[in-house]
Protein backbone atom coordinates (compact mmCIF):
# COMPACT_ATOMS: atom_id res chain seq x y z
CA UNK A 1 51.33 79.97 59.95
CA UNK A 2 49.74 81.47 63.02
CA UNK A 3 51.08 85.02 63.42
CA UNK A 4 50.22 85.13 67.13
CA UNK A 5 52.26 82.00 67.84
CA UNK A 6 55.12 83.28 65.67
CA UNK A 7 55.21 86.55 67.61
CA UNK A 8 54.86 84.80 70.98
CA UNK A 9 57.70 82.40 70.22
CA UNK A 10 60.01 85.18 69.09
CA UNK A 11 59.27 87.44 72.07
CA UNK A 12 59.50 84.60 74.58
CA UNK A 13 62.76 83.40 73.08
CA UNK A 14 64.31 86.87 73.18
CA UNK A 15 63.20 87.42 76.79
CA UNK A 16 64.73 84.09 77.75
CA UNK A 17 67.93 85.00 75.87
CA UNK A 18 68.10 88.21 77.89
CA UNK A 19 67.61 86.27 81.10
CA UNK A 20 70.37 83.87 80.07
CA UNK A 21 72.65 86.80 79.29
CA UNK A 22 72.04 88.27 82.74
CA UNK A 23 73.02 84.95 84.31
CA UNK A 24 76.11 84.78 82.09
CA UNK A 25 77.22 88.29 83.04
CA UNK A 26 76.70 87.46 86.71
CA UNK A 27 78.87 84.34 86.22
CA UNK A 28 75.97 82.06 87.20
CA UNK A 29 74.94 78.67 85.84
CA UNK A 30 71.44 78.24 84.45
CA UNK A 31 68.89 77.61 87.16
CA UNK A 32 65.36 76.26 87.33
CA UNK A 33 63.92 79.48 85.92
CA UNK A 34 65.92 79.01 82.71
CA UNK A 35 64.76 75.42 82.37
CA UNK A 36 61.16 76.42 83.07
CA UNK A 37 61.45 79.14 80.44
CA UNK A 38 62.77 76.62 77.94
CA UNK A 39 59.83 74.33 78.77
CA UNK A 40 57.30 77.11 78.18
CA UNK A 41 59.08 78.07 74.97
CA UNK A 42 58.93 74.43 73.86
CA UNK A 43 55.17 74.36 74.43
CA UNK A 44 54.71 77.46 72.28
CA UNK A 45 56.93 75.99 69.56
CA UNK A 46 55.02 72.70 69.65
CA UNK A 47 51.77 74.63 69.21
CA UNK A 48 53.32 76.50 66.28
CA UNK A 49 54.52 73.24 64.74
CA UNK A 50 51.12 71.63 65.23
CA UNK A 51 49.30 74.48 63.49
CA UNK A 52 51.80 74.36 60.63
CA UNK A 53 51.37 70.59 60.20
CA UNK A 54 47.57 70.89 60.35
CA UNK A 55 47.64 73.61 57.70
CA UNK A 56 50.04 71.54 55.59
CA UNK A 57 47.86 68.43 55.78
CA UNK A 58 44.80 70.60 55.15
CA UNK A 59 46.00 71.44 51.67
CA UNK A 60 48.21 74.49 52.11
CA UNK A 61 51.72 73.97 50.84
CA UNK A 62 54.96 75.64 51.86
CA UNK A 63 56.98 77.06 49.00
CA UNK A 64 59.94 74.82 49.86
CA UNK A 65 58.58 71.66 51.51
CA UNK A 66 61.92 70.00 52.33
CA UNK A 67 63.44 73.13 53.80
CA UNK A 68 60.25 73.82 55.74
CA UNK A 69 60.25 70.32 57.24
CA UNK A 70 63.92 70.65 58.21
CA UNK A 71 63.36 73.97 59.94
CA UNK A 72 60.27 72.61 61.69
CA UNK A 73 62.12 69.59 63.10
CA UNK A 74 65.09 71.74 64.12
CA UNK A 75 62.82 74.26 65.81
CA UNK A 76 61.08 71.63 67.93
CA UNK A 77 64.34 70.03 69.10
CA UNK A 78 66.31 73.20 69.96
CA UNK A 79 64.86 74.00 73.45
CA UNK A 80 65.18 70.44 74.82
CA UNK A 81 68.71 70.23 73.45
CA UNK A 82 69.57 73.55 75.10
CA UNK A 83 68.12 72.32 78.39
CA UNK A 84 70.13 69.09 78.33
CA UNK A 85 73.37 70.81 77.36
CA UNK A 86 72.85 73.57 79.94
CA UNK A 87 72.32 70.96 82.67
CA UNK A 88 75.47 69.13 81.57
CA UNK A 89 77.48 72.35 81.88
CA UNK A 90 76.80 73.68 85.43
CA UNK A 91 78.92 76.82 84.93
CA UNK A 92 78.30 80.17 83.31
CA UNK A 93 78.78 78.43 79.95
CA UNK A 94 75.49 76.66 80.52
CA UNK A 95 73.87 80.07 80.60
CA UNK A 96 75.69 80.94 77.38
CA UNK A 97 74.17 77.85 75.77
CA UNK A 98 70.67 78.97 76.79
CA UNK A 99 71.35 82.48 75.50
CA UNK A 100 72.73 81.39 72.14
CA UNK A 101 69.99 78.86 71.45
CA UNK A 102 67.34 81.42 72.37
CA UNK A 103 68.92 83.86 69.92
CA UNK A 104 68.91 81.21 67.17
CA UNK A 105 65.23 80.32 67.62
CA UNK A 106 63.82 83.63 66.29
CA UNK A 107 65.98 83.23 63.18
CA UNK A 108 64.66 79.71 62.61
CA UNK A 109 61.07 80.88 63.19
CA UNK A 110 61.48 83.68 60.65
CA UNK A 111 63.04 81.30 58.12
CA UNK A 112 60.19 78.87 58.73
CA UNK A 113 57.72 81.64 58.02
CA UNK A 114 59.61 82.69 54.88
CA UNK A 115 59.63 79.16 53.48
CA UNK A 116 55.88 78.91 54.11
CA UNK A 117 55.09 81.94 51.97
CA UNK A 118 54.55 81.41 48.29
CA UNK A 119 57.13 82.87 45.92
CA UNK A 120 56.01 86.25 44.60
CA UNK A 121 53.25 86.59 47.20
């Protein structure tokens, strides 16, 4: 796993969660900046997923392959899902959706990293 991409995805996700929280507290729906942030986050997560798949096919093995694959698929689909749901809910609750999903992403990234590490290493 690429530590730089892991850190970038976590920081970007938390910044976007903060921005979503500001919109929620101001009783505003998500705007173009939220959707653009989700798009940038998705690009970082796709790069992270690509490096993980390349390492996996290159011979490295995650400790729990099934769990790793599940987290990887979930991670890639979370930002687009948040964007679609936020657009479907043009109220402050759309901003809540962006905030919550962006708070879930760092947890999934950390779990992905934990399942990659070998037991006892």
